[in-house]
Amino acid sequence: MSHHWALSRVLPILLCFGSSLTWANDIAEIEELIRNKQWPQAQQKLQLAIKQTAPTATTPLSPQFRFMNSQILAGQGQVAKAVQELQALIQEFPELPEPYNNLGVLLAAQGQYDVALSALTSAIQARPHYKIALQNLGDLYTALAQQAYAQAKNAKEGPNLLPLPAPSAVTTNTTNTQTLR
């Protein structure tokens, strides 16, 4: 076998491996920028990574890139766009818990507790031991409890106990009189 033949077979594999490493490095860098809340830099790096992967109709944009985009949008205060991106991800990838979790957090921050509860519950259904979603669900239940407590505290004064139900009339078989039970 010639070196040319071996090189022609091995080089494409090495190039694919190298591009995978570059892609993984890009993701790690973007995630680090997101963790550090460096939104403009994260957006710029994400756009560059998207251009390098060149999404097409047959190979659409990676759900991971879309998820990171939603995080960046939310961090930049574009919550409505972030919510739309997460909802689209959920439609396309209902098995992924992360979009449900982040959607739940964004909706809870807007006071939409019922919808947030549904999203967080879906995240936990997708991955039952998803620690972050479980913690967020606990935080949501705490917020709901505080809301209920505030409503109770501000309610008009009235009886602290529910009124007892009215006694029911019973007809006995021996007489035609009604007695109270």
Protein backbone atom coordinates (compact mmCIF):
# COMPACT_ATOMS: atom_id res chain seq x y z
CA MET A 1 0.00 0.00 0.00
CA SER A 2 1.21 3.45 -0.75
CA HIS A 3 1.48 6.24 1.75
CA HIS A 4 -0.81 8.25 -0.48
CA TRP A 5 -3.61 5.71 -0.12
CA ALA A 6 -3.22 5.54 3.68
CA LEU A 7 -3.08 9.30 3.95
CA SER A 8 -6.21 9.66 1.82
CA ARG A 9 -8.08 7.31 4.20
CA VAL A 10 -6.73 8.63 7.50
CA LEU A 11 -6.69 12.37 6.81
CA PRO A 12 -10.51 12.76 6.58
CA ILE A 13 -10.88 10.92 9.89
CA LEU A 14 -8.28 13.14 11.53
CA LEU A 15 -9.98 16.24 10.14
CA CYS A 16 -13.33 15.11 11.52
CA PHE A 17 -11.75 14.39 14.88
CA GLY A 18 -10.07 17.79 14.88
CA SER A 19 -13.29 19.58 13.99
CA SER A 20 -15.08 17.70 16.78
CA LEU A 21 -12.45 18.90 19.23
CA THR A 22 -12.84 22.45 17.97
CA TRP A 23 -16.63 22.16 18.32
CA ALA A 24 -16.27 20.82 21.88
CA ASN A 25 -13.84 23.61 22.74
CA ASP A 26 -16.26 26.19 21.33
CA ILE A 27 -19.09 24.81 23.46
CA ALA A 28 -16.91 24.82 26.58
CA GLU A 29 -15.84 28.42 25.93
CA ILE A 30 -19.42 29.57 25.30
CA GLU A 31 -20.65 27.82 28.45
CA GLU A 32 -17.87 29.50 30.46
CA LEU A 33 -18.83 32.92 29.07
CA ILE A 34 -22.48 32.23 29.96
CA ARG A 35 -21.53 31.18 33.51
CA ASN A 36 -19.59 34.43 33.86
CA LYS A 37 -22.52 36.42 32.42
CA GLN A 38 -20.38 37.79 29.60
CA TRP A 39 -23.36 37.98 27.28
CA PRO A 40 -21.91 39.95 24.32
CA GLN A 41 -18.82 37.73 24.15
CA ALA A 42 -20.94 34.58 24.49
CA GLN A 43 -23.26 35.79 21.71
CA GLN A 44 -20.31 36.57 19.45
CA LYS A 45 -18.64 33.20 20.10
CA LEU A 46 -21.93 31.36 19.57
CA GLN A 47 -22.56 33.11 16.24
CA LEU A 48 -19.05 32.16 15.11
CA ALA A 49 -19.58 28.53 16.15
CA ILE A 50 -22.90 28.46 14.29
CA LYS A 51 -21.21 29.76 11.13
CA GLN A 52 -18.53 27.08 11.44
CA THR A 53 -21.08 24.28 11.71
CA ALA A 54 -23.09 25.69 8.78
CA PRO A 55 -26.59 24.42 9.61
CA THR A 56 -28.67 23.32 6.63
CA ALA A 57 -32.13 21.89 6.04
CA THR A 58 -30.77 18.37 6.47
CA THR A 59 -28.52 19.22 9.43
CA PRO A 60 -30.34 21.91 11.42
CA LEU A 61 -28.82 23.99 14.18
CA SER A 62 -27.74 21.92 17.15
CA PRO A 63 -30.19 21.89 20.08
CA GLN A 64 -27.22 22.64 22.31
CA PHE A 65 -26.47 25.83 20.38
CA ARG A 66 -30.14 26.80 20.50
CA PHE A 67 -30.28 26.15 24.24
CA MET A 68 -27.19 28.32 24.79
CA ASN A 69 -28.77 31.01 22.62
CA SER A 70 -31.83 31.01 24.88
CA GLN A 71 -29.57 31.45 27.91
CA ILE A 72 -27.80 34.37 26.26
CA LEU A 73 -31.09 35.99 25.23
CA ALA A 74 -32.44 35.69 28.77
CA GLY A 75 -29.20 37.09 30.18
CA GLN A 76 -29.48 40.08 27.85
CA GLY A 77 -33.02 40.73 29.05
CA GLN A 78 -34.69 39.41 25.89
CA VAL A 79 -36.88 37.06 27.92
CA ALA A 80 -39.71 36.80 25.37
CA LYS A 81 -37.26 35.62 22.69
CA ALA A 82 -35.64 33.20 25.14
CA VAL A 83 -39.06 31.77 26.03
CA GLN A 84 -39.88 31.34 22.33
CA GLU A 85 -36.59 29.52 21.72
CA LEU A 86 -37.17 27.21 24.69
CA GLN A 87 -40.75 26.46 23.62
CA ALA A 88 -39.53 25.59 20.12
CA LEU A 89 -36.85 23.30 21.59
CA ILE A 90 -39.47 21.58 23.75
CA GLN A 91 -41.66 21.00 20.69
CA GLU A 92 -38.79 19.46 18.75
CA PHE A 93 -37.03 17.65 21.61
CA PRO A 94 -39.61 16.86 24.32
CA GLU A 95 -37.24 14.33 25.91
CA LEU A 96 -34.71 17.02 26.94
CA PRO A 97 -35.27 18.28 30.50
CA GLU A 98 -33.08 21.41 30.32
CA PRO A 99 -35.40 23.51 28.13
CA TYR A 100 -38.34 22.70 30.45
CA ASN A 101 -36.28 23.69 33.48
CA ASN A 102 -35.10 27.00 32.04
CA LEU A 103 -38.57 27.79 30.73
CA GLY A 104 -39.97 27.14 34.21
CA VAL A 105 -37.43 29.47 35.79
CA LEU A 106 -38.12 32.27 33.30
CA LEU A 107 -41.89 31.95 33.70
CA ALA A 108 -41.65 31.85 37.51
CA ALA A 109 -39.57 35.04 37.42
CA GLN A 110 -42.46 36.65 35.51
CA GLY A 111 -44.95 35.46 38.13
CA GLN A 112 -46.52 32.87 35.82
CA TYR A 113 -46.40 30.22 38.52
CA ASP A 114 -48.95 27.77 37.07
CA VAL A 115 -47.17 27.48 33.73
CA ALA A 116 -43.78 27.40 35.47
CA LEU A 117 -45.00 24.54 37.66
CA SER A 118 -46.03 22.59 34.58
CA ALA A 119 -42.65 23.17 32.89
CA LEU A 120 -40.64 22.15 35.96
CA THR A 121 -42.79 19.07 36.46
CA SER A 122 -42.13 18.12 32.83
CA ALA A 123 -38.38 18.54 33.38
CA ILE A 124 -38.54 16.14 36.31
CA GLN A 125 -40.65 13.67 34.33
CA ALA A 126 -38.01 13.72 31.60
CA ARG A 127 -35.21 13.15 34.15
CA PRO A 128 -36.55 12.16 37.60
CA HIS A 129 -33.32 12.90 39.51
CA TYR A 130 -32.55 16.22 37.80
CA LYS A 131 -31.19 18.09 40.83
CA ILE A 132 -31.44 21.63 39.45
CA ALA A 133 -35.06 21.15 38.35
CA LEU A 134 -35.93 19.65 41.74
CA GLN A 135 -34.34 22.64 43.49
CA ASN A 136 -36.19 25.05 41.19
CA LEU A 137 -39.45 23.22 41.87
CA GLY A 138 -38.79 23.60 45.61
CA ASP A 139 -38.14 27.31 45.12
CA LEU A 140 -41.38 27.62 43.16
CA TYR A 141 -43.37 25.86 45.89
CA THR A 142 -41.79 28.24 48.42
CA ALA A 143 -42.87 31.22 46.30
CA LEU A 144 -46.39 29.80 45.99
CA ALA A 145 -46.55 29.29 49.76
CA GLN A 146 -45.38 32.86 50.38
CA GLN A 147 -47.97 34.14 47.93
CA ALA A 148 -50.74 32.17 49.66
CA TYR A 149 -49.57 33.38 53.07
CA ALA A 150 -49.59 37.01 51.89
CA GLN A 151 -53.10 36.58 50.49
CA ALA A 152 -54.30 35.05 53.76
CA LYS A 153 -52.67 37.84 55.77
CA ASN A 154 -54.36 40.50 53.64
CA ALA A 155 -57.77 38.84 53.63
CA LYS A 156 -60.56 40.63 55.46
CA GLU A 157 -61.12 39.51 59.02
CA GLY A 158 -63.75 36.89 59.43
CA PRO A 159 -64.28 33.70 61.30
CA ASN A 160 -61.15 31.62 61.61
CA LEU A 161 -63.14 28.41 61.33
CA LEU A 162 -65.50 27.29 58.66
CA PRO A 163 -69.12 27.26 59.79
CA LEU A 164 -70.40 23.87 60.82
CA PRO A 165 -72.72 22.22 58.32
CA ALA A 166 -76.42 22.45 59.11
CA PRO A 167 -77.80 19.29 60.68
CA SER A 168 -79.71 17.06 58.31
CA ALA A 169 -83.26 15.90 58.90
CA VAL A 170 -83.83 12.14 59.09
CA THR A 171 -87.17 10.31 58.86
CA THR A 172 -87.49 7.28 61.12
CA ASN A 173 -89.45 4.18 60.20
CA THR A 174 -91.42 3.98 63.45
CA THR A 175 -92.92 7.43 63.35
CA ASN A 176 -93.45 10.09 60.80
CA THR A 177 -91.48 12.68 62.75
CA GLN A 178 -88.18 14.12 61.71
CA THR A 179 -85.34 14.15 64.17
CA LEU A 180 -82.03 15.91 64.06
CA ARG A 181 -78.97 13.76 63.90
